[in-house]
Amino acid sequence: MSNLFKLSILTPEKVVFEGDVQYVHAPGTEGYFGVLVNHAAMVTALATGKLTVRNANGAEEHWQVSGGFFEVSDNSATVLADAVETAKN
């Protein structure tokens, strides 16, 4: 059984990331939350903060997001952000 799920990080201008990931840690408006494979379906607003993604190889990538939405269902997650920049660790 795979521990990976699909993630897309999108802005109105471009696709920032698409690929298989192990884990996402995102800044929700009610606080940070984590998503693993087989997470329950959810849609929530995003706050400004650091988005952390553990990719399929176990390496972490970080982006700074400002607003937008996060959706997950059927082992596929999407970040629709107003703006995304590479974050300094």
PDB file of N, CA and C in Angstrom:
ATOM      1  N   MET A   1       0.840  -1.179   0.000  1.00  0.00           N
ATOM      2  CA  MET A   1       0.000   0.000   0.000  1.00  0.00           C
ATOM      3  C   MET A   1       0.888   1.247   0.000  1.00  0.00           C
ATOM      4  N   SER A   2       0.616   2.156  -0.895  1.00  0.00           N
ATOM      5  CA  SER A   2       1.430   3.354  -1.040  1.00  0.00           C
ATOM      6  C   SER A   2       1.101   4.381   0.039  1.00  0.00           C
ATOM      7  N   ASN A   3       2.102   5.114   0.466  1.00  0.00           N
ATOM      8  CA  ASN A   3       1.887   6.188   1.421  1.00  0.00           C
ATOM      9  C   ASN A   3       1.932   7.542   0.722  1.00  0.00           C
ATOM     10  N   LEU A   4       1.723   7.562  -0.602  1.00  0.00           N
ATOM     11  CA  LEU A   4       1.794   8.779  -1.394  1.00  0.00           C
ATOM     12  C   LEU A   4       0.424   9.218  -1.883  1.00  0.00           C
ATOM     13  N   PHE A   5       0.278  10.541  -2.071  1.00  0.00           N
ATOM     14  CA  PHE A   5      -0.911  11.092  -2.705  1.00  0.00           C
ATOM     15  C   PHE A   5      -0.492  12.230  -3.628  1.00  0.00           C
ATOM     16  N   LYS A   6      -1.383  12.609  -4.533  1.00  0.00           N
ATOM     17  CA  LYS A   6      -1.093  13.645  -5.527  1.00  0.00           C
ATOM     18  C   LYS A   6      -1.303  15.024  -4.916  1.00  0.00           C
ATOM     19  N   LEU A   7      -0.400  15.959  -5.234  1.00  0.00           N
ATOM     20  CA  LEU A   7      -0.524  17.340  -4.785  1.00  0.00           C
ATOM     21  C   LEU A   7      -0.274  18.282  -5.951  1.00  0.00           C
ATOM     22  N   SER A   8      -1.127  19.298  -6.069  1.00  0.00           N
ATOM     23  CA  SER A   8      -0.925  20.385  -7.022  1.00  0.00           C
ATOM     24  C   SER A   8      -0.931  21.687  -6.238  1.00  0.00           C
ATOM     25  N   ILE A   9       0.063  22.537  -6.491  1.00  0.00           N
ATOM     26  CA  ILE A   9       0.114  23.873  -5.905  1.00  0.00           C
ATOM     27  C   ILE A   9      -0.002  24.852  -7.068  1.00  0.00           C
ATOM     28  N   LEU A  10      -1.075  25.638  -7.059  1.00  0.00           N
ATOM     29  CA  LEU A  10      -1.404  26.507  -8.187  1.00  0.00           C
ATOM     30  C   LEU A  10      -1.616  27.947  -7.739  1.00  0.00           C
ATOM     31  N   THR A  11      -1.244  28.886  -8.606  1.00  0.00           N
ATOM     32  CA  THR A  11      -1.607  30.286  -8.439  1.00  0.00           C
ATOM     33  C   THR A  11      -2.378  30.680  -9.694  1.00  0.00           C
ATOM     34  N   PRO A  12      -2.961  31.872  -9.724  1.00  0.00           N
ATOM     35  CA  PRO A  12      -3.637  32.285 -10.956  1.00  0.00           C
ATOM     36  C   PRO A  12      -2.700  32.368 -12.163  1.00  0.00           C
ATOM     37  N   GLU A  13      -1.390  32.539 -11.925  1.00  0.00           N
ATOM     38  CA  GLU A  13      -0.448  32.706 -13.014  1.00  0.00           C
ATOM     39  C   GLU A  13       0.244  31.431 -13.467  1.00  0.00           C
ATOM     40  N   LYS A  14       0.416  30.443 -12.543  1.00  0.00           N
ATOM     41  CA  LYS A  14       1.244  29.304 -12.924  1.00  0.00           C
ATOM     42  C   LYS A  14       0.993  28.087 -12.034  1.00  0.00           C
ATOM     43  N   VAL A  15       1.525  26.960 -12.501  1.00  0.00           N
ATOM     44  CA  VAL A  15       1.579  25.741 -11.712  1.00  0.00           C
ATOM     45  C   VAL A  15       2.924  25.765 -10.990  1.00  0.00           C
ATOM     46  N   VAL A  16       2.897  25.776  -9.660  1.00  0.00           N
ATOM     47  CA  VAL A  16       4.118  25.843  -8.857  1.00  0.00           C
ATOM     48  C   VAL A  16       4.696  24.453  -8.622  1.00  0.00           C
ATOM     49  N   PHE A  17       3.819  23.466  -8.385  1.00  0.00           N
ATOM     50  CA  PHE A  17       4.270  22.108  -8.088  1.00  0.00           C
ATOM     51  C   PHE A  17       3.163  21.138  -8.453  1.00  0.00           C
ATOM     52  N   GLU A  18       3.542  20.006  -9.022  1.00  0.00           N
ATOM     53  CA  GLU A  18       2.633  18.877  -9.224  1.00  0.00           C
ATOM     54  C   GLU A  18       3.445  17.606  -9.029  1.00  0.00           C
ATOM     55  N   GLY A  19       2.935  16.714  -8.177  1.00  0.00           N
ATOM     56  CA  GLY A  19       3.645  15.467  -7.988  1.00  0.00           C
ATOM     57  C   GLY A  19       3.124  14.671  -6.814  1.00  0.00           C
ATOM     58  N   ASP A  20       3.744  13.518  -6.588  1.00  0.00           N
ATOM     59  CA  ASP A  20       3.392  12.655  -5.473  1.00  0.00           C
ATOM     60  C   ASP A  20       4.110  13.126  -4.217  1.00  0.00           C
ATOM     61  N   VAL A  21       3.398  13.133  -3.105  1.00  0.00           N
ATOM     62  CA  VAL A  21       3.977  13.574  -1.835  1.00  0.00           C
ATOM     63  C   VAL A  21       3.560  12.622  -0.723  1.00  0.00           C
ATOM     64  N   GLN A  22       4.325  12.682   0.387  1.00  0.00           N
ATOM     65  CA  GLN A  22       4.007  11.885   1.574  1.00  0.00           C
ATOM     66  C   GLN A  22       3.168  12.670   2.571  1.00  0.00           C
ATOM     67  N   TYR A  23       3.408  14.012   2.632  1.00  0.00           N
ATOM     68  CA  TYR A  23       2.825  14.809   3.705  1.00  0.00           C
ATOM     69  C   TYR A  23       2.764  16.276   3.298  1.00  0.00           C
ATOM     70  N   VAL A  24       1.721  16.957   3.752  1.00  0.00           N
ATOM     71  CA  VAL A  24       1.590  18.404   3.562  1.00  0.00           C
ATOM     72  C   VAL A  24       1.235  19.021   4.907  1.00  0.00           C
ATOM     73  N   HIS A  25       1.895  20.122   5.246  1.00  0.00           N
ATOM     74  CA  HIS A  25       1.611  20.896   6.456  1.00  0.00           C
ATOM     75  C   HIS A  25       1.277  22.298   5.972  1.00  0.00           C
ATOM     76  N   ALA A  26       0.031  22.746   6.215  1.00  0.00           N
ATOM     77  CA  ALA A  26      -0.457  23.977   5.601  1.00  0.00           C
ATOM     78  C   ALA A  26      -1.050  24.940   6.635  1.00  0.00           C
ATOM     79  N   PRO A  27      -0.991  26.243   6.348  1.00  0.00           N
ATOM     80  CA  PRO A  27      -1.525  27.253   7.256  1.00  0.00           C
ATOM     81  C   PRO A  27      -3.009  27.525   7.016  1.00  0.00           C
ATOM     82  N   GLY A  28      -3.867  26.860   7.748  1.00  0.00           N
ATOM     83  CA  GLY A  28      -5.294  27.127   7.641  1.00  0.00           C
ATOM     84  C   GLY A  28      -5.666  28.385   8.419  1.00  0.00           C
ATOM     85  N   THR A  29      -6.828  28.919   8.159  1.00  0.00           N
ATOM     86  CA  THR A  29      -7.273  30.122   8.869  1.00  0.00           C
ATOM     87  C   THR A  29      -7.537  29.843  10.345  1.00  0.00           C
ATOM     88  N   GLU A  30      -7.734  28.579  10.701  1.00  0.00           N
ATOM     89  CA  GLU A  30      -7.966  28.201  12.102  1.00  0.00           C
ATOM     90  C   GLU A  30      -6.722  27.584  12.732  1.00  0.00           C
ATOM     91  N   GLY A  31      -5.594  27.630  12.026  1.00  0.00           N
ATOM     92  CA  GLY A  31      -4.344  27.060  12.514  1.00  0.00           C
ATOM     93  C   GLY A  31      -3.762  26.102  11.496  1.00  0.00           C
ATOM     94  N   TYR A  32      -2.536  25.694  11.729  1.00  0.00           N
ATOM     95  CA  TYR A  32      -1.861  24.766  10.820  1.00  0.00           C
ATOM     96  C   TYR A  32      -2.495  23.378  10.898  1.00  0.00           C
ATOM     97  N   PHE A  33      -2.492  22.662   9.785  1.00  0.00           N
ATOM     98  CA  PHE A  33      -3.018  21.298   9.737  1.00  0.00           C
ATOM     99  C   PHE A  33      -2.123  20.450   8.851  1.00  0.00           C
ATOM    100  N   GLY A  34      -2.172  19.137   9.060  1.00  0.00           N
ATOM    101  CA  GLY A  34      -1.384  18.202   8.278  1.00  0.00           C
ATOM    102  C   GLY A  34      -2.268  17.252   7.503  1.00  0.00           C
ATOM    103  N   VAL A  35      -1.765  16.804   6.361  1.00  0.00           N
ATOM    104  CA  VAL A  35      -2.500  15.877   5.504  1.00  0.00           C
ATOM    105  C   VAL A  35      -1.565  14.736   5.111  1.00  0.00           C
ATOM    106  N   LEU A  36      -2.031  13.522   5.312  1.00  0.00           N
ATOM    107  CA  LEU A  36      -1.357  12.299   4.883  1.00  0.00           C
ATOM    108  C   LEU A  36      -2.256  11.562   3.893  1.00  0.00           C
ATOM    109  N   VAL A  37      -1.750  10.479   3.313  1.00  0.00           N
ATOM    110  CA  VAL A  37      -2.536   9.651   2.406  1.00  0.00           C
ATOM    111  C   VAL A  37      -3.823   9.198   3.107  1.00  0.00           C
ATOM    112  N   ASN A  38      -4.901   9.058   2.350  1.00  0.00           N
ATOM    113  CA  ASN A  38      -6.222   8.631   2.821  1.00  0.00           C
ATOM    114  C   ASN A  38      -6.880   9.617   3.785  1.00  0.00           C
ATOM    115  N   HIS A  39      -6.516  10.898   3.683  1.00  0.00           N
ATOM    116  CA  HIS A  39      -7.146  11.928   4.517  1.00  0.00           C
ATOM    117  C   HIS A  39      -8.613  12.073   4.112  1.00  0.00           C
ATOM    118  N   ALA A  40      -9.460  12.398   5.067  1.00  0.00           N
ATOM    119  CA  ALA A  40     -10.876  12.649   4.790  1.00  0.00           C
ATOM    120  C   ALA A  40     -11.006  13.845   3.851  1.00  0.00           C
ATOM    121  N   ALA A  41     -12.063  13.847   3.054  1.00  0.00           N
ATOM    122  CA  ALA A  41     -12.309  14.960   2.143  1.00  0.00           C
ATOM    123  C   ALA A  41     -12.481  16.246   2.948  1.00  0.00           C
ATOM    124  N   MET A  42     -11.901  17.340   2.418  1.00  0.00           N
ATOM    125  CA  MET A  42     -11.923  18.600   3.152  1.00  0.00           C
ATOM    126  C   MET A  42     -11.665  19.749   2.185  1.00  0.00           C
ATOM    127  N   VAL A  43     -12.315  20.872   2.443  1.00  0.00           N
ATOM    128  CA  VAL A  43     -12.012  22.133   1.773  1.00  0.00           C
ATOM    129  C   VAL A  43     -11.904  23.176   2.865  1.00  0.00           C
ATOM    130  N   THR A  44     -10.816  23.972   2.838  1.00  0.00           N
ATOM    131  CA  THR A  44     -10.634  24.997   3.858  1.00  0.00           C
ATOM    132  C   THR A  44      -9.895  26.187   3.273  1.00  0.00           C
ATOM    133  N   ALA A  45     -10.077  27.334   3.900  1.00  0.00           N
ATOM    134  CA  ALA A  45      -9.351  28.538   3.502  1.00  0.00           C
ATOM    135  C   ALA A  45      -7.935  28.493   4.059  1.00  0.00           C
ATOM    136  N   LEU A  46      -7.016  29.096   3.328  1.00  0.00           N
ATOM    137  CA  LEU A  46      -5.625  29.187   3.773  1.00  0.00           C
ATOM    138  C   LEU A  46      -5.330  30.593   4.286  1.00  0.00           C
ATOM    139  N   ALA A  47      -4.478  30.658   5.282  1.00  0.00           N
ATOM    140  CA  ALA A  47      -3.968  31.925   5.788  1.00  0.00           C
ATOM    141  C   ALA A  47      -2.569  32.138   5.210  1.00  0.00           C
ATOM    142  N   THR A  48      -1.991  33.275   5.463  1.00  0.00           N
ATOM    143  CA  THR A  48      -0.603  33.513   5.083  1.00  0.00           C
ATOM    144  C   THR A  48       0.299  32.706   6.010  1.00  0.00           C
ATOM    145  N   GLY A  49       1.255  31.979   5.442  1.00  0.00           N
ATOM    146  CA  GLY A  49       2.161  31.174   6.254  1.00  0.00           C
ATOM    147  C   GLY A  49       2.985  30.243   5.408  1.00  0.00           C
ATOM    148  N   LYS A  50       3.704  29.349   6.077  1.00  0.00           N
ATOM    149  CA  LYS A  50       4.611  28.417   5.403  1.00  0.00           C
ATOM    150  C   LYS A  50       3.893  27.112   5.077  1.00  0.00           C
ATOM    151  N   LEU A  51       4.000  26.704   3.829  1.00  0.00           N
ATOM    152  CA  LEU A  51       3.487  25.429   3.348  1.00  0.00           C
ATOM    153  C   LEU A  51       4.684  24.487   3.252  1.00  0.00           C
ATOM    154  N   THR A  52       4.629  23.368   3.977  1.00  0.00           N
ATOM    155  CA  THR A  52       5.703  22.389   3.967  1.00  0.00           C
ATOM    156  C   THR A  52       5.219  21.117   3.294  1.00  0.00           C
ATOM    157  N   VAL A  53       6.023  20.607   2.374  1.00  0.00           N
ATOM    158  CA  VAL A  53       5.673  19.405   1.622  1.00  0.00           C
ATOM    159  C   VAL A  53       6.822  18.416   1.742  1.00  0.00           C
ATOM    160  N   ARG A  54       6.514  17.187   2.148  1.00  0.00           N
ATOM    161  CA  ARG A  54       7.501  16.103   2.135  1.00  0.00           C
ATOM    162  C   ARG A  54       7.262  15.311   0.858  1.00  0.00           C
ATOM    163  N   ASN A  55       8.223  15.365  -0.055  1.00  0.00           N
ATOM    164  CA  ASN A  55       8.013  14.729  -1.353  1.00  0.00           C
ATOM    165  C   ASN A  55       8.162  13.208  -1.268  1.00  0.00           C
ATOM    166  N   ALA A  56       8.040  12.546  -2.404  1.00  0.00           N
ATOM    167  CA  ALA A  56       8.072  11.076  -2.452  1.00  0.00           C
ATOM    168  C   ALA A  56       9.384  10.501  -1.950  1.00  0.00           C
ATOM    169  N   ASN A  57      10.474  11.263  -2.049  1.00  0.00           N
ATOM    170  CA  ASN A  57      11.790  10.795  -1.593  1.00  0.00           C
ATOM    171  C   ASN A  57      12.054  11.106  -0.130  1.00  0.00           C
ATOM    172  N   GLY A  58      11.128  11.792   0.538  1.00  0.00           N
ATOM    173  CA  GLY A  58      11.292  12.136   1.938  1.00  0.00           C
ATOM    174  C   GLY A  58      11.915  13.497   2.185  1.00  0.00           C
ATOM    175  N   ALA A  59      12.328  14.188   1.137  1.00  0.00           N
ATOM    176  CA  ALA A  59      12.902  15.534   1.281  1.00  0.00           C
ATOM    177  C   ALA A  59      11.773  16.552   1.448  1.00  0.00           C
ATOM    178  N   GLU A  60      12.030  17.580   2.255  1.00  0.00           N
ATOM    179  CA  GLU A  60      11.021  18.612   2.476  1.00  0.00           C
ATOM    180  C   GLU A  60      11.286  19.829   1.605  1.00  0.00           C
ATOM    181  N   GLU A  61      10.200  20.395   1.091  1.00  0.00           N
ATOM    182  CA  GLU A  61      10.228  21.640   0.334  1.00  0.00           C
ATOM    183  C   GLU A  61       9.305  22.617   1.052  1.00  0.00           C
ATOM    184  N   HIS A  62       9.661  23.912   0.996  1.00  0.00           N
ATOM    185  CA  HIS A  62       8.894  24.920   1.726  1.00  0.00           C
ATOM    186  C   HIS A  62       8.522  26.068   0.794  1.00  0.00           C
ATOM    187  N   TRP A  63       7.281  26.527   0.912  1.00  0.00           N
ATOM    188  CA  TRP A  63       6.810  27.693   0.179  1.00  0.00           C
ATOM    189  C   TRP A  63       6.080  28.611   1.145  1.00  0.00           C
ATOM    190  N   GLN A  64       6.122  29.889   0.854  1.00  0.00           N
ATOM    191  CA  GLN A  64       5.341  30.877   1.584  1.00  0.00           C
ATOM    192  C   GLN A  64       4.088  31.128   0.759  1.00  0.00           C
ATOM    193  N   VAL A  65       2.915  30.917   1.365  1.00  0.00           N
ATOM    194  CA  VAL A  65       1.653  31.149   0.664  1.00  0.00           C
ATOM    195  C   VAL A  65       0.925  32.317   1.310  1.00  0.00           C
ATOM    196  N   SER A  66       0.157  33.017   0.502  1.00  0.00           N
ATOM    197  CA  SER A  66      -0.653  34.106   1.048  1.00  0.00           C
ATOM    198  C   SER A  66      -2.082  33.930   0.573  1.00  0.00           C
ATOM    199  N   GLY A  67      -2.893  33.410   1.467  1.00  0.00           N
ATOM    200  CA  GLY A  67      -4.307  33.232   1.174  1.00  0.00           C
ATOM    201  C   GLY A  67      -4.584  32.152   0.154  1.00  0.00           C
ATOM    202  N   GLY A  68      -5.860  31.878  -0.027  1.00  0.00           N
ATOM    203  CA  GLY A  68      -6.295  30.896  -0.998  1.00  0.00           C
ATOM    204  C   GLY A  68      -7.091  29.785  -0.340  1.00  0.00           C
ATOM    205  N   PHE A  69      -7.108  28.629  -0.993  1.00  0.00           N
ATOM    206  CA  PHE A  69      -7.891  27.486  -0.518  1.00  0.00           C
ATOM    207  C   PHE A  69      -7.084  26.199  -0.639  1.00  0.00           C
ATOM    208  N   PHE A  70      -7.444  25.223   0.195  1.00  0.00           N
ATOM    209  CA  PHE A  70      -6.851  23.891   0.171  1.00  0.00           C
ATOM    210  C   PHE A  70      -7.997  22.897   0.067  1.00  0.00           C
ATOM    211  N   GLU A  71      -7.862  21.938  -0.851  1.00  0.00           N
ATOM    212  CA  GLU A  71      -8.897  20.911  -1.043  1.00  0.00           C
ATOM    213  C   GLU A  71      -8.220  19.561  -1.119  1.00  0.00           C
ATOM    214  N   VAL A  72      -8.814  18.568  -0.454  1.00  0.00           N
ATOM    215  CA  VAL A  72      -8.299  17.203  -0.548  1.00  0.00           C
ATOM    216  C   VAL A  72      -9.485  16.245  -0.635  1.00  0.00           C
ATOM    217  N   SER A  73      -9.379  15.267  -1.531  1.00  0.00           N
ATOM    218  CA  SER A  73     -10.347  14.170  -1.627  1.00  0.00           C
ATOM    219  C   SER A  73      -9.749  13.092  -2.519  1.00  0.00           C
ATOM    220  N   ASP A  74     -10.090  11.861  -2.221  1.00  0.00           N
ATOM    221  CA  ASP A  74      -9.649  10.712  -3.028  1.00  0.00           C
ATOM    222  C   ASP A  74      -8.141  10.719  -3.292  1.00  0.00           C
ATOM    223  N   ASN A  75      -7.343  10.988  -2.249  1.00  0.00           N
ATOM    224  CA  ASN A  75      -5.880  10.985  -2.342  1.00  0.00           C
ATOM    225  C   ASN A  75      -5.330  11.941  -3.396  1.00  0.00           C
ATOM    226  N   SER A  76      -6.012  13.079  -3.523  1.00  0.00           N
ATOM    227  CA  SER A  76      -5.561  14.150  -4.395  1.00  0.00           C
ATOM    228  C   SER A  76      -5.817  15.469  -3.685  1.00  0.00           C
ATOM    229  N   ALA A  77      -4.778  16.285  -3.541  1.00  0.00           N
ATOM    230  CA  ALA A  77      -4.909  17.565  -2.846  1.00  0.00           C
ATOM    231  C   ALA A  77      -4.513  18.699  -3.780  1.00  0.00           C
ATOM    232  N   THR A  78      -5.162  19.849  -3.594  1.00  0.00           N
ATOM    233  CA  THR A  78      -4.877  21.026  -4.397  1.00  0.00           C
ATOM    234  C   THR A  78      -4.771  22.242  -3.499  1.00  0.00           C
ATOM    235  N   VAL A  79      -3.703  22.996  -3.688  1.00  0.00           N
ATOM    236  CA  VAL A  79      -3.545  24.301  -3.052  1.00  0.00           C
ATOM    237  C   VAL A  79      -3.797  25.335  -4.141  1.00  0.00           C
ATOM    238  N   LEU A  80      -4.817  26.166  -3.942  1.00  0.00           N
ATOM    239  CA  LEU A  80      -5.105  27.286  -4.838  1.00  0.00           C
ATOM    240  C   LEU A  80      -4.748  28.539  -4.063  1.00  0.00           C
ATOM    241  N   ALA A  81      -3.559  29.076  -4.313  1.00  0.00           N
ATOM    242  CA  ALA A  81      -3.056  30.184  -3.510  1.00  0.00           C
ATOM    243  C   ALA A  81      -3.060  31.481  -4.305  1.00  0.00           C
ATOM    244  N   ASP A  82      -3.294  32.593  -3.597  1.00  0.00           N
ATOM    245  CA  ASP A  82      -3.221  33.901  -4.227  1.00  0.00           C
ATOM    246  C   ASP A  82      -1.804  34.174  -4.706  1.00  0.00           C
ATOM    247  N   ALA A  83      -0.807  33.803  -3.883  1.00  0.00           N
ATOM    248  CA  ALA A  83       0.596  33.965  -4.259  1.00  0.00           C
ATOM    249  C   ALA A  83       1.420  32.898  -3.548  1.00  0.00           C
ATOM    250  N   VAL A  84       2.483  32.429  -4.190  1.00  0.00           N
ATOM    251  CA  VAL A  84       3.384  31.425  -3.631  1.00  0.00           C
ATOM    252  C   VAL A  84       4.819  31.845  -3.927  1.00  0.00           C
ATOM    253  N   GLU A  85       5.660  31.839  -2.894  1.00  0.00           N
ATOM    254  CA  GLU A  85       7.080  32.120  -3.055  1.00  0.00           C
ATOM    255  C   GLU A  85       7.868  31.022  -2.356  1.00  0.00           C
ATOM    256  N   THR A  86       9.079  30.762  -2.846  1.00  0.00           N
ATOM    257  CA  THR A  86       9.950  29.817  -2.147  1.00  0.00           C
ATOM    258  C   THR A  86      10.290  30.399  -0.786  1.00  0.00           C
ATOM    259  N   ALA A  87      10.133  29.593   0.272  1.00  0.00           N
ATOM    260  CA  ALA A  87      10.376  30.059   1.637  1.00  0.00           C
ATOM    261  C   ALA A  87      11.796  29.721   2.058  1.00  0.00           C
ATOM    262  N   LYS A  88      12.355  30.588   2.883  1.00  0.00           N
ATOM    263  CA  LYS A  88      13.647  30.293   3.488  1.00  0.00           C
ATOM    264  C   LYS A  88      13.383  29.418   4.700  1.00  0.00           C
ATOM    265  N   ASN A  89      14.133  28.344   4.858  1.00  0.00           N
ATOM    266  CA  ASN A  89      13.894  27.396   5.964  1.00  0.00           C
ATOM    267  C   ASN A  89      14.067  28.049   7.255  1.00  0.00           C
TER     268      ASN A  89
END
